[in-house]
């Protein structure tokens, strides 16, 4: 049986997946003590929830990039793809690089993705 996450736990995972990989900083941004967040991220069900959210987010971004829909990507990526709009070959190369980065992010072990201090 999978454990139901609390709202603060869900918020922490969303922050870690989408914006901030440093656990103490993410914790502060969602209003959770850093020690609590670090304890949570050592729990198997939290690690599993983080990995699931990370894979789902990366897969969604990869799919959007492969379809040529760059609007749903993070702002820096959108800026790059917009700047290359008149250069389809360079845009395709940038898209492939972005996809490779997302695949790497999706598949890295959690200890290589998050900063604990």
N, C-alpha and C. Protein backbone atom coordinates (compact mmCIF):
# COMPACT_ATOMS: atom_id res chain seq x y z
N UNK A 1 0.84 -1.18 0.00
CA UNK A 1 0.00 0.00 0.00
C UNK A 1 0.89 1.24 0.00
N UNK A 2 0.61 2.16 -0.93
CA UNK A 2 1.39 3.38 -1.01
C UNK A 2 0.85 4.40 -0.01
N UNK A 3 1.74 5.05 0.68
CA UNK A 3 1.36 6.01 1.70
C UNK A 3 0.95 7.33 1.05
N UNK A 4 -0.12 7.93 1.57
CA UNK A 4 -0.61 9.22 1.07
C UNK A 4 0.28 10.34 1.61
N UNK A 5 0.75 11.19 0.72
CA UNK A 5 1.60 12.30 1.13
C UNK A 5 0.76 13.44 1.69
N UNK A 6 1.33 14.15 2.65
CA UNK A 6 0.67 15.35 3.17
C UNK A 6 0.87 16.49 2.16
N UNK A 7 0.11 17.55 2.32
CA UNK A 7 0.24 18.69 1.42
C UNK A 7 1.66 19.27 1.48
N UNK A 8 2.26 19.47 2.68
CA UNK A 8 3.64 19.98 2.71
C UNK A 8 4.63 19.04 2.00
N UNK A 9 4.43 17.73 2.13
CA UNK A 9 5.31 16.78 1.44
C UNK A 9 5.16 16.89 -0.08
N UNK A 10 3.91 17.01 -0.54
CA UNK A 10 3.67 17.18 -1.98
C UNK A 10 4.30 18.48 -2.48
N UNK A 11 4.16 19.54 -1.69
CA UNK A 11 4.75 20.82 -2.08
C UNK A 11 6.27 20.74 -2.16
N UNK A 12 6.87 20.04 -1.21
CA UNK A 12 8.33 19.88 -1.21
C UNK A 12 8.78 19.13 -2.46
N UNK A 13 8.10 18.04 -2.78
CA UNK A 13 8.47 17.26 -3.95
C UNK A 13 8.31 18.09 -5.21
N UNK A 14 7.21 18.82 -5.32
CA UNK A 14 7.00 19.67 -6.51
C UNK A 14 8.12 20.71 -6.63
N UNK A 15 8.51 21.31 -5.52
CA UNK A 15 9.59 22.30 -5.55
C UNK A 15 10.90 21.65 -5.97
N UNK A 16 11.19 20.47 -5.43
CA UNK A 16 12.43 19.78 -5.76
C UNK A 16 12.47 19.34 -7.22
N UNK A 17 11.35 18.95 -7.76
CA UNK A 17 11.31 18.48 -9.15
C UNK A 17 11.36 19.65 -10.12
N UNK A 18 10.65 20.70 -9.82
CA UNK A 18 10.46 21.77 -10.80
C UNK A 18 11.39 22.96 -10.67
N UNK A 19 11.89 23.23 -9.47
CA UNK A 19 12.60 24.50 -9.30
C UNK A 19 13.95 24.41 -8.58
N UNK A 20 14.02 23.65 -7.54
CA UNK A 20 15.16 23.76 -6.63
C UNK A 20 15.61 22.37 -6.18
N UNK A 21 16.88 22.04 -6.42
CA UNK A 21 17.38 20.72 -6.06
C UNK A 21 18.09 20.68 -4.71
N UNK A 22 18.22 21.83 -4.06
CA UNK A 22 18.83 21.86 -2.72
C UNK A 22 17.71 21.70 -1.70
N UNK A 23 17.73 20.61 -0.97
CA UNK A 23 16.65 20.30 -0.03
C UNK A 23 16.41 21.43 0.98
N UNK A 24 17.43 21.97 1.64
CA UNK A 24 17.16 23.04 2.61
C UNK A 24 16.51 24.29 1.98
N UNK A 25 16.92 24.64 0.79
CA UNK A 25 16.35 25.82 0.11
C UNK A 25 14.90 25.53 -0.29
N UNK A 26 14.66 24.35 -0.86
CA UNK A 26 13.30 23.98 -1.24
C UNK A 26 12.40 23.95 -0.01
N UNK A 27 12.92 23.43 1.10
CA UNK A 27 12.15 23.37 2.34
C UNK A 27 11.74 24.77 2.79
N UNK A 28 12.70 25.68 2.77
CA UNK A 28 12.41 27.05 3.17
C UNK A 28 11.34 27.67 2.28
N UNK A 29 11.41 27.41 0.99
CA UNK A 29 10.46 27.99 0.04
C UNK A 29 9.04 27.46 0.23
N UNK A 30 8.90 26.26 0.78
CA UNK A 30 7.56 25.73 1.01
C UNK A 30 7.16 25.78 2.49
N UNK A 31 8.02 26.38 3.33
CA UNK A 31 7.68 26.59 4.73
C UNK A 31 7.84 25.36 5.62
N UNK A 32 8.84 24.54 5.31
CA UNK A 32 9.10 23.34 6.11
C UNK A 32 10.52 23.46 6.67
N UNK A 33 10.74 23.10 7.93
CA UNK A 33 12.11 23.11 8.45
C UNK A 33 13.03 22.20 7.63
N UNK A 34 14.25 22.64 7.42
CA UNK A 34 15.20 21.89 6.60
C UNK A 34 15.43 20.48 7.13
N UNK A 35 15.57 20.35 8.44
CA UNK A 35 15.79 19.01 9.03
C UNK A 35 14.61 18.08 8.75
N UNK A 36 13.41 18.63 8.82
CA UNK A 36 12.21 17.83 8.53
C UNK A 36 12.23 17.37 7.08
N UNK A 37 12.55 18.29 6.17
CA UNK A 37 12.60 17.94 4.75
C UNK A 37 13.66 16.88 4.47
N UNK A 38 14.81 17.01 5.10
CA UNK A 38 15.87 16.02 4.92
C UNK A 38 15.43 14.65 5.47
N UNK A 39 14.76 14.66 6.60
CA UNK A 39 14.24 13.41 7.17
C UNK A 39 13.22 12.78 6.21
N UNK A 40 12.31 13.61 5.71
CA UNK A 40 11.31 13.12 4.77
C UNK A 40 11.97 12.49 3.54
N UNK A 41 12.97 13.17 2.98
CA UNK A 41 13.58 12.69 1.74
C UNK A 41 14.43 11.44 1.94
N UNK A 42 14.63 11.04 3.19
CA UNK A 42 15.29 9.76 3.47
C UNK A 42 14.28 8.62 3.62
N UNK A 43 12.99 8.94 3.64
CA UNK A 43 11.95 7.92 3.75
C UNK A 43 11.71 7.28 2.39
N UNK A 44 11.62 5.96 2.34
CA UNK A 44 11.43 5.28 1.05
C UNK A 44 10.23 5.79 0.25
N UNK A 45 9.09 6.04 0.92
CA UNK A 45 7.92 6.48 0.17
C UNK A 45 8.08 7.90 -0.40
N UNK A 46 8.86 8.74 0.27
CA UNK A 46 9.13 10.09 -0.26
C UNK A 46 10.09 10.01 -1.44
N UNK A 47 11.10 9.17 -1.32
CA UNK A 47 12.05 8.99 -2.43
C UNK A 47 11.33 8.43 -3.65
N UNK A 48 10.43 7.48 -3.41
CA UNK A 48 9.66 6.91 -4.52
C UNK A 48 8.76 7.98 -5.16
N UNK A 49 8.11 8.78 -4.34
CA UNK A 49 7.24 9.85 -4.86
C UNK A 49 8.07 10.87 -5.65
N UNK A 50 9.25 11.22 -5.15
CA UNK A 50 10.12 12.14 -5.87
C UNK A 50 10.54 11.55 -7.21
N UNK A 51 10.98 10.29 -7.20
CA UNK A 51 11.41 9.65 -8.45
C UNK A 51 10.27 9.57 -9.45
N UNK A 52 9.08 9.24 -8.99
CA UNK A 52 7.92 9.16 -9.89
C UNK A 52 7.61 10.53 -10.49
N UNK A 53 7.58 11.56 -9.65
CA UNK A 53 7.29 12.92 -10.14
C UNK A 53 8.38 13.39 -11.10
N UNK A 54 9.60 13.07 -10.79
CA UNK A 54 10.73 13.47 -11.65
C UNK A 54 10.63 12.79 -13.01
N UNK A 55 10.35 11.49 -13.02
CA UNK A 55 10.23 10.76 -14.29
C UNK A 55 9.06 11.28 -15.11
N UNK A 56 7.92 11.50 -14.46
CA UNK A 56 6.74 12.00 -15.17
C UNK A 56 7.00 13.38 -15.76
N UNK A 57 7.64 14.25 -15.00
CA UNK A 57 7.95 15.60 -15.49
C UNK A 57 8.92 15.54 -16.66
N UNK A 58 9.98 14.76 -16.52
CA UNK A 58 10.97 14.65 -17.60
C UNK A 58 10.33 14.06 -18.85
N UNK A 59 9.51 13.02 -18.70
CA UNK A 59 8.85 12.40 -19.86
C UNK A 59 7.92 13.39 -20.56
N UNK A 60 7.21 14.19 -19.78
CA UNK A 60 6.31 15.20 -20.36
C UNK A 60 7.11 16.24 -21.15
N UNK A 61 8.22 16.71 -20.57
CA UNK A 61 9.04 17.70 -21.26
C UNK A 61 9.68 17.11 -22.52
N UNK A 62 10.11 15.87 -22.45
CA UNK A 62 10.68 15.20 -23.63
C UNK A 62 9.63 15.09 -24.73
N UNK A 63 8.44 14.67 -24.35
CA UNK A 63 7.35 14.52 -25.33
C UNK A 63 7.02 15.86 -25.99
N UNK A 64 6.93 16.91 -25.20
CA UNK A 64 6.63 18.24 -25.74
C UNK A 64 7.73 18.69 -26.70
N UNK A 65 8.96 18.46 -26.32
CA UNK A 65 10.08 18.87 -27.15
C UNK A 65 10.10 18.07 -28.46
N UNK A 66 9.84 16.78 -28.38
CA UNK A 66 9.82 15.95 -29.58
C UNK A 66 8.70 16.36 -30.53
N UNK A 67 7.61 16.85 -29.98
CA UNK A 67 6.48 17.26 -30.82
C UNK A 67 6.67 18.67 -31.40
N UNK A 68 7.72 19.35 -30.96
CA UNK A 68 7.96 20.71 -31.44
C UNK A 68 7.18 21.76 -30.67
N UNK A 69 6.53 21.36 -29.59
CA UNK A 69 5.78 22.29 -28.75
C UNK A 69 6.69 22.73 -27.61
N UNK A 70 7.30 23.89 -27.76
CA UNK A 70 8.28 24.36 -26.78
C UNK A 70 7.66 25.25 -25.71
N UNK A 71 6.38 25.59 -25.85
CA UNK A 71 5.74 26.52 -24.92
C UNK A 71 5.65 25.99 -23.49
N UNK A 72 5.56 24.67 -23.32
CA UNK A 72 5.43 24.10 -21.99
C UNK A 72 6.76 23.87 -21.28
N UNK A 73 7.86 24.17 -21.97
CA UNK A 73 9.18 23.96 -21.39
C UNK A 73 9.52 25.10 -20.43
N UNK A 74 10.50 24.90 -19.56
CA UNK A 74 10.93 25.98 -18.66
C UNK A 74 11.38 27.21 -19.47
N UNK A 75 11.21 28.38 -18.89
CA UNK A 75 11.46 29.65 -19.59
C UNK A 75 12.82 29.72 -20.29
N UNK A 76 13.93 29.31 -19.67
CA UNK A 76 15.20 29.40 -20.39
C UNK A 76 15.21 28.57 -21.68
N UNK A 77 14.60 27.40 -21.64
CA UNK A 77 14.55 26.56 -22.85
C UNK A 77 13.68 27.21 -23.91
N UNK A 78 12.55 27.78 -23.50
CA UNK A 78 11.66 28.46 -24.46
C UNK A 78 12.42 29.59 -25.14
N UNK A 79 13.20 30.34 -24.40
CA UNK A 79 13.97 31.44 -24.98
C UNK A 79 14.96 30.94 -26.02
N UNK A 80 15.62 29.83 -25.74
CA UNK A 80 16.58 29.27 -26.69
C UNK A 80 15.87 28.83 -27.96
N UNK A 81 14.77 28.09 -27.81
CA UNK A 81 14.06 27.59 -28.99
C UNK A 81 13.42 28.73 -29.78
N UNK A 82 12.96 29.76 -29.11
CA UNK A 82 12.40 30.92 -29.81
C UNK A 82 13.48 31.64 -30.59
N UNK A 83 14.65 31.79 -29.99
CA UNK A 83 15.75 32.48 -30.67
C UNK A 83 16.22 31.70 -31.90
N UNK A 84 16.03 30.40 -31.88
CA UNK A 84 16.46 29.56 -33.00
C UNK A 84 15.34 29.28 -34.00
N UNK A 85 14.20 29.92 -33.84
CA UNK A 85 13.03 29.63 -34.68
C UNK A 85 13.32 29.80 -36.17
N UNK A 86 14.18 30.72 -36.53
CA UNK A 86 14.50 30.96 -37.95
C UNK A 86 15.61 30.04 -38.44
N UNK A 87 16.11 29.19 -37.57
CA UNK A 87 17.21 28.28 -37.92
C UNK A 87 16.80 26.85 -37.55
N UNK A 88 15.99 26.21 -38.39
CA UNK A 88 15.45 24.89 -38.04
C UNK A 88 16.50 23.84 -37.71
N UNK A 89 17.63 23.83 -38.41
CA UNK A 89 18.65 22.83 -38.15
C UNK A 89 19.23 23.01 -36.74
N UNK A 90 19.57 24.25 -36.38
CA UNK A 90 20.10 24.53 -35.05
C UNK A 90 19.05 24.26 -33.97
N UNK A 91 17.80 24.56 -34.29
CA UNK A 91 16.73 24.31 -33.34
C UNK A 91 16.59 22.80 -33.09
N UNK A 92 16.71 22.01 -34.13
CA UNK A 92 16.63 20.55 -33.99
C UNK A 92 17.79 20.02 -33.14
N UNK A 93 18.97 20.58 -33.34
CA UNK A 93 20.14 20.17 -32.54
C UNK A 93 19.92 20.54 -31.07
N UNK A 94 19.43 21.75 -30.83
CA UNK A 94 19.15 22.19 -29.46
C UNK A 94 18.08 21.31 -28.82
N UNK A 95 17.07 20.94 -29.59
CA UNK A 95 16.01 20.08 -29.07
C UNK A 95 16.57 18.72 -28.67
N UNK A 96 17.45 18.16 -29.50
CA UNK A 96 18.03 16.86 -29.17
C UNK A 96 18.91 16.94 -27.92
N UNK A 97 19.63 18.03 -27.77
CA UNK A 97 20.45 18.21 -26.56
C UNK A 97 19.55 18.31 -25.32
N UNK A 98 18.47 19.06 -25.46
CA UNK A 98 17.54 19.22 -24.33
C UNK A 98 16.93 17.86 -23.96
N UNK A 99 16.54 17.10 -24.96
CA UNK A 99 15.97 15.78 -24.72
C UNK A 99 16.99 14.89 -24.02
N UNK A 100 18.24 14.93 -24.46
CA UNK A 100 19.29 14.13 -23.82
C UNK A 100 19.47 14.53 -22.37
N UNK A 101 19.44 15.84 -22.09
CA UNK A 101 19.57 16.31 -20.71
C UNK A 101 18.40 15.83 -19.85
N UNK A 102 17.19 15.88 -20.40
CA UNK A 102 16.01 15.43 -19.65
C UNK A 102 16.06 13.92 -19.41
N UNK A 103 16.55 13.17 -20.37
CA UNK A 103 16.69 11.72 -20.19
C UNK A 103 17.70 11.42 -19.08
N UNK A 104 18.79 12.16 -19.07
CA UNK A 104 19.80 11.98 -18.02
C UNK A 104 19.21 12.34 -16.66
N UNK A 105 18.54 13.49 -16.57
CA UNK A 105 17.91 13.92 -15.32
C UNK A 105 16.92 12.87 -14.82
N UNK A 106 16.14 12.33 -15.74
CA UNK A 106 15.12 11.34 -15.39
C UNK A 106 15.74 10.07 -14.80
N UNK A 107 16.90 9.69 -15.30
CA UNK A 107 17.49 8.40 -14.96
C UNK A 107 18.57 8.43 -13.88
N UNK A 108 19.01 9.61 -13.47
CA UNK A 108 20.05 9.69 -12.43
C UNK A 108 19.53 9.20 -11.09
N UNK A 109 20.40 8.60 -10.28
CA UNK A 109 20.00 8.23 -8.91
C UNK A 109 19.70 9.50 -8.11
N UNK A 110 18.80 9.37 -7.16
CA UNK A 110 18.34 10.52 -6.37
C UNK A 110 19.50 11.27 -5.72
N UNK A 111 20.52 10.57 -5.26
CA UNK A 111 21.66 11.23 -4.61
C UNK A 111 22.50 12.06 -5.57
N UNK A 112 22.35 11.83 -6.86
CA UNK A 112 23.04 12.64 -7.86
C UNK A 112 22.22 13.84 -8.29
N UNK A 113 20.94 13.86 -7.92
CA UNK A 113 20.02 14.93 -8.33
C UNK A 113 19.84 15.97 -7.22
N UNK A 114 19.69 15.49 -6.00
CA UNK A 114 19.40 16.40 -4.89
C UNK A 114 20.67 16.74 -4.11
N UNK A 115 20.69 17.97 -3.61
CA UNK A 115 21.76 18.41 -2.71
C UNK A 115 21.15 18.43 -1.30
N UNK A 116 21.78 17.72 -0.40
CA UNK A 116 21.20 17.50 0.93
C UNK A 116 21.52 18.61 1.92
N UNK A 117 22.53 19.43 1.66
CA UNK A 117 22.88 20.50 2.61
C UNK A 117 22.90 21.84 1.92
